[in-house]
Amino acid sequence: TVTLDELAAAAGRDRWSLSHDFRALFGTSPHRYLTMRRLDLVRQLALAGMPLADASAASGFSDQSHMTRHFKRAWGVAPAQWLKMLGTTSPATR
């Protein structure tokens, strides 16, 4: 886990300036950007057949329910439902 303070120190900026510039460049906050990259990794791993609990842990989420809440917020469906919509399932959803 990388904190905003660590990012600010590495960039030589204060937290506010870093967050402002990040949002201007990427259209979202650093935290939301990191969460979406983690969700992208969950989707990639789940499509490769990794169980959702393992994909959650490998992507940096504290547990599967934490990942599922973010997944549903981002795409409106649970990860198992998303896999079923694609015609595939992970070992954990079989």
PDB file of N, CA and C in Angstrom:
ATOM      1  N   THR A   1       0.836  -1.183   0.000  1.00  0.00           N
ATOM      2  CA  THR A   1       0.000   0.000   0.000  1.00  0.00           C
ATOM      3  C   THR A   1       0.879   1.244   0.000  1.00  0.00           C
ATOM      4  N   VAL A   2       0.556   2.157  -0.854  1.00  0.00           N
ATOM      5  CA  VAL A   2       1.257   3.434  -0.950  1.00  0.00           C
ATOM      6  C   VAL A   2       0.314   4.510  -0.429  1.00  0.00           C
ATOM      7  N   THR A   3       0.802   5.307   0.495  1.00  0.00           N
ATOM      8  CA  THR A   3      -0.032   6.375   1.053  1.00  0.00           C
ATOM      9  C   THR A   3       0.139   7.660   0.262  1.00  0.00           C
ATOM     10  N   LEU A   4      -0.818   8.548   0.427  1.00  0.00           N
ATOM     11  CA  LEU A   4      -0.737   9.853  -0.233  1.00  0.00           C
ATOM     12  C   LEU A   4       0.467  10.639   0.286  1.00  0.00           C
ATOM     13  N   ASP A   5       0.776  10.498   1.566  1.00  0.00           N
ATOM     14  CA  ASP A   5       1.954  11.168   2.118  1.00  0.00           C
ATOM     15  C   ASP A   5       3.229  10.664   1.461  1.00  0.00           C
ATOM     16  N   GLU A   6       3.319   9.361   1.212  1.00  0.00           N
ATOM     17  CA  GLU A   6       4.491   8.793   0.546  1.00  0.00           C
ATOM     18  C   GLU A   6       4.603   9.297  -0.888  1.00  0.00           C
ATOM     19  N   LEU A   7       3.479   9.356  -1.581  1.00  0.00           N
ATOM     20  CA  LEU A   7       3.486   9.887  -2.949  1.00  0.00           C
ATOM     21  C   LEU A   7       3.920  11.352  -2.965  1.00  0.00           C
ATOM     22  N   ALA A   8       3.382  12.116  -2.033  1.00  0.00           N
ATOM     23  CA  ALA A   8       3.722  13.538  -1.968  1.00  0.00           C
ATOM     24  C   ALA A   8       5.212  13.723  -1.684  1.00  0.00           C
ATOM     25  N   ALA A   9       5.747  12.935  -0.767  1.00  0.00           N
ATOM     26  CA  ALA A   9       7.171  13.045  -0.445  1.00  0.00           C
ATOM     27  C   ALA A   9       8.029  12.666  -1.644  1.00  0.00           C
ATOM     28  N   ALA A  10       7.646  11.606  -2.360  1.00  0.00           N
ATOM     29  CA  ALA A  10       8.410  11.168  -3.532  1.00  0.00           C
ATOM     30  C   ALA A  10       8.361  12.209  -4.648  1.00  0.00           C
ATOM     31  N   ALA A  11       7.249  12.916  -4.750  1.00  0.00           N
ATOM     32  CA  ALA A  11       7.090  13.925  -5.790  1.00  0.00           C
ATOM     33  C   ALA A  11       7.631  15.294  -5.356  1.00  0.00           C
ATOM     34  N   GLY A  12       7.953  15.419  -4.072  1.00  0.00           N
ATOM     35  CA  GLY A  12       8.418  16.710  -3.580  1.00  0.00           C
ATOM     36  C   GLY A  12       7.314  17.746  -3.529  1.00  0.00           C
ATOM     37  N   ARG A  13       6.096  17.290  -3.308  1.00  0.00           N
ATOM     38  CA  ARG A  13       4.922  18.178  -3.285  1.00  0.00           C
ATOM     39  C   ARG A  13       4.176  17.986  -1.975  1.00  0.00           C
ATOM     40  N   ASP A  14       3.299  18.909  -1.644  1.00  0.00           N
ATOM     41  CA  ASP A  14       2.416  18.698  -0.502  1.00  0.00           C
ATOM     42  C   ASP A  14       1.215  17.878  -0.976  1.00  0.00           C
ATOM     43  N   ARG A  15       0.493  17.302  -0.041  1.00  0.00           N
ATOM     44  CA  ARG A  15      -0.631  16.415  -0.378  1.00  0.00           C
ATOM     45  C   ARG A  15      -1.684  17.103  -1.242  1.00  0.00           C
ATOM     46  N   TRP A  16      -2.033  18.349  -0.877  1.00  0.00           N
ATOM     47  CA  TRP A  16      -3.069  19.049  -1.610  1.00  0.00           C
ATOM     48  C   TRP A  16      -2.659  19.269  -3.064  1.00  0.00           C
ATOM     49  N   SER A  17      -1.442  19.760  -3.289  1.00  0.00           N
ATOM     50  CA  SER A  17      -0.972  20.030  -4.653  1.00  0.00           C
ATOM     51  C   SER A  17      -0.897  18.749  -5.471  1.00  0.00           C
ATOM     52  N   LEU A  18      -0.398  17.695  -4.850  1.00  0.00           N
ATOM     53  CA  LEU A  18      -0.322  16.417  -5.551  1.00  0.00           C
ATOM     54  C   LEU A  18      -1.710  15.928  -5.949  1.00  0.00           C
ATOM     55  N   SER A  19      -2.646  15.966  -5.012  1.00  0.00           N
ATOM     56  CA  SER A  19      -4.013  15.522  -5.316  1.00  0.00           C
ATOM     57  C   SER A  19      -4.647  16.371  -6.404  1.00  0.00           C
ATOM     58  N   HIS A  20      -4.456  17.677  -6.334  1.00  0.00           N
ATOM     59  CA  HIS A  20      -5.017  18.587  -7.329  1.00  0.00           C
ATOM     60  C   HIS A  20      -4.452  18.298  -8.716  1.00  0.00           C
ATOM     61  N   ASP A  21      -3.136  18.176  -8.798  1.00  0.00           N
ATOM     62  CA  ASP A  21      -2.493  17.916 -10.088  1.00  0.00           C
ATOM     63  C   ASP A  21      -2.856  16.528 -10.623  1.00  0.00           C
ATOM     64  N   PHE A  22      -2.922  15.551  -9.747  1.00  0.00           N
ATOM     65  CA  PHE A  22      -3.286  14.198 -10.158  1.00  0.00           C
ATOM     66  C   PHE A  22      -4.692  14.184 -10.757  1.00  0.00           C
ATOM     67  N   ARG A  23      -5.622  14.852 -10.059  1.00  0.00           N
ATOM     68  CA  ARG A  23      -7.002  14.909 -10.546  1.00  0.00           C
ATOM     69  C   ARG A  23      -7.073  15.629 -11.898  1.00  0.00           C
ATOM     70  N   ALA A  24      -6.282  16.667 -12.069  1.00  0.00           N
ATOM     71  CA  ALA A  24      -6.273  17.402 -13.337  1.00  0.00           C
ATOM     72  C   ALA A  24      -5.742  16.528 -14.475  1.00  0.00           C
ATOM     73  N   LEU A  25      -4.738  15.712 -14.189  1.00  0.00           N
ATOM     74  CA  LEU A  25      -4.143  14.865 -15.224  1.00  0.00           C
ATOM     75  C   LEU A  25      -4.941  13.595 -15.509  1.00  0.00           C
ATOM     76  N   PHE A  26      -5.483  12.972 -14.470  1.00  0.00           N
ATOM     77  CA  PHE A  26      -6.127  11.675 -14.623  1.00  0.00           C
ATOM     78  C   PHE A  26      -7.637  11.703 -14.458  1.00  0.00           C
ATOM     79  N   GLY A  27      -8.195  12.816 -14.036  1.00  0.00           N
ATOM     80  CA  GLY A  27      -9.642  12.935 -13.913  1.00  0.00           C
ATOM     81  C   GLY A  27     -10.229  12.237 -12.705  1.00  0.00           C
ATOM     82  N   THR A  28      -9.389  11.840 -11.764  1.00  0.00           N
ATOM     83  CA  THR A  28      -9.863  11.169 -10.562  1.00  0.00           C
ATOM     84  C   THR A  28      -8.823  11.334  -9.462  1.00  0.00           C
ATOM     85  N   SER A  29      -9.190  10.939  -8.264  1.00  0.00           N
ATOM     86  CA  SER A  29      -8.255  11.045  -7.141  1.00  0.00           C
ATOM     87  C   SER A  29      -7.228   9.914  -7.199  1.00  0.00           C
ATOM     88  N   PRO A  30      -6.081  10.098  -6.539  1.00  0.00           N
ATOM     89  CA  PRO A  30      -5.104   9.003  -6.495  1.00  0.00           C
ATOM     90  C   PRO A  30      -5.678   7.715  -5.900  1.00  0.00           C
ATOM     91  N   HIS A  31      -6.509   7.838  -4.863  1.00  0.00           N
ATOM     92  CA  HIS A  31      -7.101   6.652  -4.238  1.00  0.00           C
ATOM     93  C   HIS A  31      -8.024   5.918  -5.206  1.00  0.00           C
ATOM     94  N   ARG A  32      -8.877   6.654  -5.883  1.00  0.00           N
ATOM     95  CA  ARG A  32      -9.810   6.030  -6.836  1.00  0.00           C
ATOM     96  C   ARG A  32      -9.044   5.406  -8.003  1.00  0.00           C
ATOM     97  N   TYR A  33      -8.004   6.056  -8.451  1.00  0.00           N
ATOM     98  CA  TYR A  33      -7.178   5.519  -9.530  1.00  0.00           C
ATOM     99  C   TYR A  33      -6.583   4.175  -9.118  1.00  0.00           C
ATOM    100  N   LEU A  34      -6.025   4.118  -7.907  1.00  0.00           N
ATOM    101  CA  LEU A  34      -5.444   2.872  -7.407  1.00  0.00           C
ATOM    102  C   LEU A  34      -6.500   1.786  -7.274  1.00  0.00           C
ATOM    103  N   THR A  35      -7.663   2.129  -6.760  1.00  0.00           N
ATOM    104  CA  THR A  35      -8.744   1.154  -6.622  1.00  0.00           C
ATOM    105  C   THR A  35      -9.147   0.599  -7.980  1.00  0.00           C
ATOM    106  N   MET A  36      -9.268   1.449  -8.982  1.00  0.00           N
ATOM    107  CA  MET A  36      -9.663   0.982 -10.312  1.00  0.00           C
ATOM    108  C   MET A  36      -8.585   0.103 -10.941  1.00  0.00           C
ATOM    109  N   ARG A  37      -7.317   0.414 -10.721  1.00  0.00           N
ATOM    110  CA  ARG A  37      -6.243  -0.456 -11.242  1.00  0.00           C
ATOM    111  C   ARG A  37      -6.297  -1.814 -10.551  1.00  0.00           C
ATOM    112  N   ARG A  38      -6.597  -1.825  -9.253  1.00  0.00           N
ATOM    113  CA  ARG A  38      -6.733  -3.098  -8.535  1.00  0.00           C
ATOM    114  C   ARG A  38      -7.918  -3.895  -9.070  1.00  0.00           C
ATOM    115  N   LEU A  39      -9.013  -3.216  -9.350  1.00  0.00           N
ATOM    116  CA  LEU A  39     -10.182  -3.901  -9.918  1.00  0.00           C
ATOM    117  C   LEU A  39      -9.876  -4.442 -11.308  1.00  0.00           C
ATOM    118  N   ASP A  40      -9.111  -3.709 -12.094  1.00  0.00           N
ATOM    119  CA  ASP A  40      -8.702  -4.215 -13.403  1.00  0.00           C
ATOM    120  C   ASP A  40      -7.909  -5.508 -13.250  1.00  0.00           C
ATOM    121  N   LEU A  41      -7.036  -5.555 -12.250  1.00  0.00           N
ATOM    122  CA  LEU A  41      -6.250  -6.764 -12.009  1.00  0.00           C
ATOM    123  C   LEU A  41      -7.143  -7.909 -11.546  1.00  0.00           C
ATOM    124  N   VAL A  42      -8.123  -7.630 -10.702  1.00  0.00           N
ATOM    125  CA  VAL A  42      -9.072  -8.666 -10.275  1.00  0.00           C
ATOM    126  C   VAL A  42      -9.770  -9.258 -11.495  1.00  0.00           C
ATOM    127  N   ARG A  43     -10.255  -8.413 -12.387  1.00  0.00           N
ATOM    128  CA  ARG A  43     -10.944  -8.921 -13.580  1.00  0.00           C
ATOM    129  C   ARG A  43     -10.020  -9.784 -14.426  1.00  0.00           C
ATOM    130  N   GLN A  44      -8.789  -9.339 -14.617  1.00  0.00           N
ATOM    131  CA  GLN A  44      -7.822 -10.097 -15.416  1.00  0.00           C
ATOM    132  C   GLN A  44      -7.551 -11.460 -14.781  1.00  0.00           C
ATOM    133  N   LEU A  45      -7.323 -11.487 -13.482  1.00  0.00           N
ATOM    134  CA  LEU A  45      -7.026 -12.744 -12.794  1.00  0.00           C
ATOM    135  C   LEU A  45      -8.241 -13.673 -12.774  1.00  0.00           C
ATOM    136  N   ALA A  46      -9.435 -13.107 -12.569  1.00  0.00           N
ATOM    137  CA  ALA A  46     -10.647 -13.919 -12.560  1.00  0.00           C
ATOM    138  C   ALA A  46     -10.894 -14.538 -13.941  1.00  0.00           C
ATOM    139  N   LEU A  47     -10.662 -13.775 -14.990  1.00  0.00           N
ATOM    140  CA  LEU A  47     -10.826 -14.313 -16.340  1.00  0.00           C
ATOM    141  C   LEU A  47      -9.817 -15.417 -16.636  1.00  0.00           C
ATOM    142  N   ALA A  48      -8.665 -15.356 -15.981  1.00  0.00           N
ATOM    143  CA  ALA A  48      -7.638 -16.389 -16.153  1.00  0.00           C
ATOM    144  C   ALA A  48      -7.943 -17.627 -15.310  1.00  0.00           C
ATOM    145  N   GLY A  49      -9.031 -17.573 -14.518  1.00  0.00           N
ATOM    146  CA  GLY A  49      -9.445 -18.734 -13.746  1.00  0.00           C
ATOM    147  C   GLY A  49      -9.084 -18.718 -12.274  1.00  0.00           C
ATOM    148  N   MET A  50      -8.501 -17.635 -11.794  1.00  0.00           N
ATOM    149  CA  MET A  50      -8.152 -17.565 -10.376  1.00  0.00           C
ATOM    150  C   MET A  50      -9.422 -17.370  -9.548  1.00  0.00           C
ATOM    151  N   PRO A  51      -9.554 -18.072  -8.426  1.00  0.00           N
ATOM    152  CA  PRO A  51     -10.707 -17.844  -7.540  1.00  0.00           C
ATOM    153  C   PRO A  51     -10.776 -16.378  -7.100  1.00  0.00           C
ATOM    154  N   LEU A  52     -11.988 -15.879  -6.926  1.00  0.00           N
ATOM    155  CA  LEU A  52     -12.173 -14.471  -6.603  1.00  0.00           C
ATOM    156  C   LEU A  52     -11.491 -14.076  -5.294  1.00  0.00           C
ATOM    157  N   ALA A  53     -11.500 -14.940  -4.298  1.00  0.00           N
ATOM    158  CA  ALA A  53     -10.835 -14.622  -3.030  1.00  0.00           C
ATOM    159  C   ALA A  53      -9.332 -14.451  -3.246  1.00  0.00           C
ATOM    160  N   ASP A  54      -8.738 -15.311  -4.053  1.00  0.00           N
ATOM    161  CA  ASP A  54      -7.306 -15.214  -4.344  1.00  0.00           C
ATOM    162  C   ASP A  54      -7.005 -13.989  -5.201  1.00  0.00           C
ATOM    163  N   ALA A  55      -7.872 -13.705  -6.169  1.00  0.00           N
ATOM    164  CA  ALA A  55      -7.684 -12.526  -7.019  1.00  0.00           C
ATOM    165  C   ALA A  55      -7.795 -11.251  -6.197  1.00  0.00           C
ATOM    166  N   SER A  56      -8.699 -11.244  -5.222  1.00  0.00           N
ATOM    167  CA  SER A  56      -8.847 -10.083  -4.336  1.00  0.00           C
ATOM    168  C   SER A  56      -7.570  -9.836  -3.553  1.00  0.00           C
ATOM    169  N   ALA A  57      -7.036 -10.893  -2.956  1.00  0.00           N
ATOM    170  CA  ALA A  57      -5.812 -10.759  -2.151  1.00  0.00           C
ATOM    171  C   ALA A  57      -4.627 -10.358  -3.029  1.00  0.00           C
ATOM    172  N   ALA A  58      -4.515 -10.971  -4.192  1.00  0.00           N
ATOM    173  CA  ALA A  58      -3.396 -10.675  -5.095  1.00  0.00           C
ATOM    174  C   ALA A  58      -3.463  -9.246  -5.622  1.00  0.00           C
ATOM    175  N   SER A  59      -4.640  -8.659  -5.617  1.00  0.00           N
ATOM    176  CA  SER A  59      -4.827  -7.304  -6.134  1.00  0.00           C
ATOM    177  C   SER A  59      -4.719  -6.229  -5.060  1.00  0.00           C
ATOM    178  N   GLY A  60      -4.526  -6.655  -3.816  1.00  0.00           N
ATOM    179  CA  GLY A  60      -4.318  -5.687  -2.755  1.00  0.00           C
ATOM    180  C   GLY A  60      -5.535  -5.339  -1.922  1.00  0.00           C
ATOM    181  N   PHE A  61      -6.648  -6.044  -2.124  1.00  0.00           N
ATOM    182  CA  PHE A  61      -7.822  -5.803  -1.290  1.00  0.00           C
ATOM    183  C   PHE A  61      -7.688  -6.593   0.002  1.00  0.00           C
ATOM    184  N   SER A  62      -8.286  -6.088   1.073  1.00  0.00           N
ATOM    185  CA  SER A  62      -8.156  -6.754   2.369  1.00  0.00           C
ATOM    186  C   SER A  62      -8.879  -8.092   2.396  1.00  0.00           C
ATOM    187  N   ASP A  63      -9.967  -8.208   1.658  1.00  0.00           N
ATOM    188  CA  ASP A  63     -10.685  -9.479   1.548  1.00  0.00           C
ATOM    189  C   ASP A  63     -11.644  -9.408   0.358  1.00  0.00           C
ATOM    190  N   GLN A  64     -12.305 -10.535   0.094  1.00  0.00           N
ATOM    191  CA  GLN A  64     -13.176 -10.606  -1.075  1.00  0.00           C
ATOM    192  C   GLN A  64     -14.377  -9.675  -0.949  1.00  0.00           C
ATOM    193  N   SER A  65     -14.939  -9.541   0.241  1.00  0.00           N
ATOM    194  CA  SER A  65     -16.108  -8.672   0.379  1.00  0.00           C
ATOM    195  C   SER A  65     -15.741  -7.204   0.140  1.00  0.00           C
ATOM    196  N   HIS A  66     -14.548  -6.809   0.561  1.00  0.00           N
ATOM    197  CA  HIS A  66     -14.065  -5.452   0.309  1.00  0.00           C
ATOM    198  C   HIS A  66     -13.963  -5.209  -1.193  1.00  0.00           C
ATOM    199  N   MET A  67     -13.375  -6.169  -1.909  1.00  0.00           N
ATOM    200  CA  MET A  67     -13.257  -6.049  -3.362  1.00  0.00           C
ATOM    201  C   MET A  67     -14.635  -6.014  -4.015  1.00  0.00           C
ATOM    202  N   THR A  68     -15.541  -6.882  -3.557  1.00  0.00           N
ATOM    203  CA  THR A  68     -16.874  -6.961  -4.155  1.00  0.00           C
ATOM    204  C   THR A  68     -17.620  -5.638  -4.016  1.00  0.00           C
ATOM    205  N   ARG A  69     -17.516  -4.988  -2.865  1.00  0.00           N
ATOM    206  CA  ARG A  69     -18.171  -3.677  -2.685  1.00  0.00           C
ATOM    207  C   ARG A  69     -17.668  -2.669  -3.712  1.00  0.00           C
ATOM    208  N   HIS A  70     -16.347  -2.622  -3.896  1.00  0.00           N
ATOM    209  CA  HIS A  70     -15.778  -1.692  -4.885  1.00  0.00           C
ATOM    210  C   HIS A  70     -16.159  -2.093  -6.309  1.00  0.00           C
ATOM    211  N   PHE A  71     -16.157  -3.379  -6.599  1.00  0.00           N
ATOM    212  CA  PHE A  71     -16.508  -3.891  -7.923  1.00  0.00           C
ATOM    213  C   PHE A  71     -17.943  -3.486  -8.269  1.00  0.00           C
ATOM    214  N   LYS A  72     -18.872  -3.722  -7.330  1.00  0.00           N
ATOM    215  CA  LYS A  72     -20.279  -3.378  -7.568  1.00  0.00           C
ATOM    216  C   LYS A  72     -20.466  -1.876  -7.731  1.00  0.00           C
ATOM    217  N   ARG A  73     -19.714  -1.097  -6.967  1.00  0.00           N
ATOM    218  CA  ARG A  73     -19.806   0.359  -7.080  1.00  0.00           C
ATOM    219  C   ARG A  73     -19.308   0.825  -8.446  1.00  0.00           C
ATOM    220  N   ALA A  74     -18.258   0.167  -8.951  1.00  0.00           N
ATOM    221  CA  ALA A  74     -17.668   0.570 -10.227  1.00  0.00           C
ATOM    222  C   ALA A  74     -18.497   0.118 -11.426  1.00  0.00           C
ATOM    223  N   TRP A  75     -18.998  -1.131 -11.401  1.00  0.00           N
ATOM    224  CA  TRP A  75     -19.650  -1.687 -12.589  1.00  0.00           C
ATOM    225  C   TRP A  75     -21.093  -2.131 -12.396  1.00  0.00           C
ATOM    226  N   GLY A  76     -21.627  -1.971 -11.198  1.00  0.00           N
ATOM    227  CA  GLY A  76     -23.044  -2.231 -10.980  1.00  0.00           C
ATOM    228  C   GLY A  76     -23.429  -3.687 -10.807  1.00  0.00           C
ATOM    229  N   VAL A  77     -22.491  -4.595 -10.874  1.00  0.00           N
ATOM    230  CA  VAL A  77     -22.768  -6.020 -10.663  1.00  0.00           C
ATOM    231  C   VAL A  77     -21.642  -6.624  -9.818  1.00  0.00           C
ATOM    232  N   ALA A  78     -21.960  -7.705  -9.147  1.00  0.00           N
ATOM    233  CA  ALA A  78     -20.941  -8.414  -8.377  1.00  0.00           C
ATOM    234  C   ALA A  78     -19.996  -9.134  -9.338  1.00  0.00           C
ATOM    235  N   PRO A  79     -18.774  -9.419  -8.917  1.00  0.00           N
ATOM    236  CA  PRO A  79     -17.819 -10.078  -9.805  1.00  0.00           C
ATOM    237  C   PRO A  79     -18.298 -11.436 -10.314  1.00  0.00           C
ATOM    238  N   ALA A  80     -18.969 -12.220  -9.477  1.00  0.00           N
ATOM    239  CA  ALA A  80     -19.476 -13.522  -9.927  1.00  0.00           C
ATOM    240  C   ALA A  80     -20.539 -13.338 -11.007  1.00  0.00           C
ATOM    241  N   GLN A  81     -21.392 -12.325 -10.843  1.00  0.00           N
ATOM    242  CA  GLN A  81     -22.407 -12.040 -11.868  1.00  0.00           C
ATOM    243  C   GLN A  81     -21.739 -11.600 -13.164  1.00  0.00           C
ATOM    244  N   TRP A  82     -20.703 -10.787 -13.054  1.00  0.00           N
ATOM    245  CA  TRP A  82     -19.978 -10.315 -14.230  1.00  0.00           C
ATOM    246  C   TRP A  82     -19.383 -11.491 -14.989  1.00  0.00           C
ATOM    247  N   LEU A  83     -18.776 -12.422 -14.256  1.00  0.00           N
ATOM    248  CA  LEU A  83     -18.203 -13.604 -14.903  1.00  0.00           C
ATOM    249  C   LEU A  83     -19.277 -14.425 -15.596  1.00  0.00           C
ATOM    250  N   LYS A  84     -20.438 -14.586 -14.962  1.00  0.00           N
ATOM    251  CA  LYS A  84     -21.541 -15.333 -15.577  1.00  0.00           C
ATOM    252  C   LYS A  84     -22.037 -14.636 -16.839  1.00  0.00           C
ATOM    253  N   MET A  85     -22.079 -13.303 -16.816  1.00  0.00           N
ATOM    254  CA  MET A  85     -22.510 -12.548 -17.995  1.00  0.00           C
ATOM    255  C   MET A  85     -21.560 -12.785 -19.168  1.00  0.00           C
ATOM    256  N   LEU A  86     -20.290 -13.022 -18.860  1.00  0.00           N
ATOM    257  CA  LEU A  86     -19.298 -13.292 -19.900  1.00  0.00           C
ATOM    258  C   LEU A  86     -19.290 -14.753 -20.319  1.00  0.00           C
ATOM    259  N   GLY A  87     -20.064 -15.560 -19.614  1.00  0.00           N
ATOM    260  CA  GLY A  87     -20.118 -16.988 -19.943  1.00  0.00           C
ATOM    261  C   GLY A  87     -18.989 -17.785 -19.340  1.00  0.00           C
ATOM    262  N   THR A  88     -18.363 -17.248 -18.320  1.00  0.00           N
ATOM    263  CA  THR A  88     -17.273 -17.955 -17.651  1.00  0.00           C
ATOM    264  C   THR A  88     -17.494 -17.837 -16.151  1.00  0.00           C
ATOM    265  N   THR A  89     -16.848 -18.682 -15.408  1.00  0.00           N
ATOM    266  CA  THR A  89     -16.892 -18.598 -13.953  1.00  0.00           C
ATOM    267  C   THR A  89     -15.501 -18.865 -13.413  1.00  0.00           C
ATOM    268  N   SER A  90     -15.226 -18.323 -12.269  1.00  0.00           N
ATOM    269  CA  SER A  90     -13.970 -18.640 -11.615  1.00  0.00           C
ATOM    270  C   SER A  90     -14.191 -19.894 -10.777  1.00  0.00           C
ATOM    271  N   PRO A  91     -13.151 -20.606 -10.392  1.00  0.00           N
ATOM    272  CA  PRO A  91     -13.317 -21.803  -9.572  1.00  0.00           C
ATOM    273  C   PRO A  91     -14.101 -21.535  -8.289  1.00  0.00           C
ATOM    274  N   ALA A  92     -14.017 -20.349  -7.738  1.00  0.00           N
ATOM    275  CA  ALA A  92     -14.699 -20.052  -6.494  1.00  0.00           C
ATOM    276  C   ALA A  92     -16.204 -19.885  -6.684  1.00  0.00           C
ATOM    277  N   THR A  93     -16.670 -19.664  -7.906  1.00  0.00           N
ATOM    278  CA  THR A  93     -18.092 -19.448  -8.123  1.00  0.00           C
ATOM    279  C   THR A  93     -18.786 -20.658  -8.713  1.00  0.00           C
ATOM    280  N   ARG A  94     -18.075 -21.726  -8.904  1.00  0.00           N
ATOM    281  CA  ARG A  94     -18.677 -22.948  -9.464  1.00  0.00           C
ATOM    282  C   ARG A  94     -19.403 -23.724  -8.406  1.00  0.00           C
TER     283      ARG A  94
END
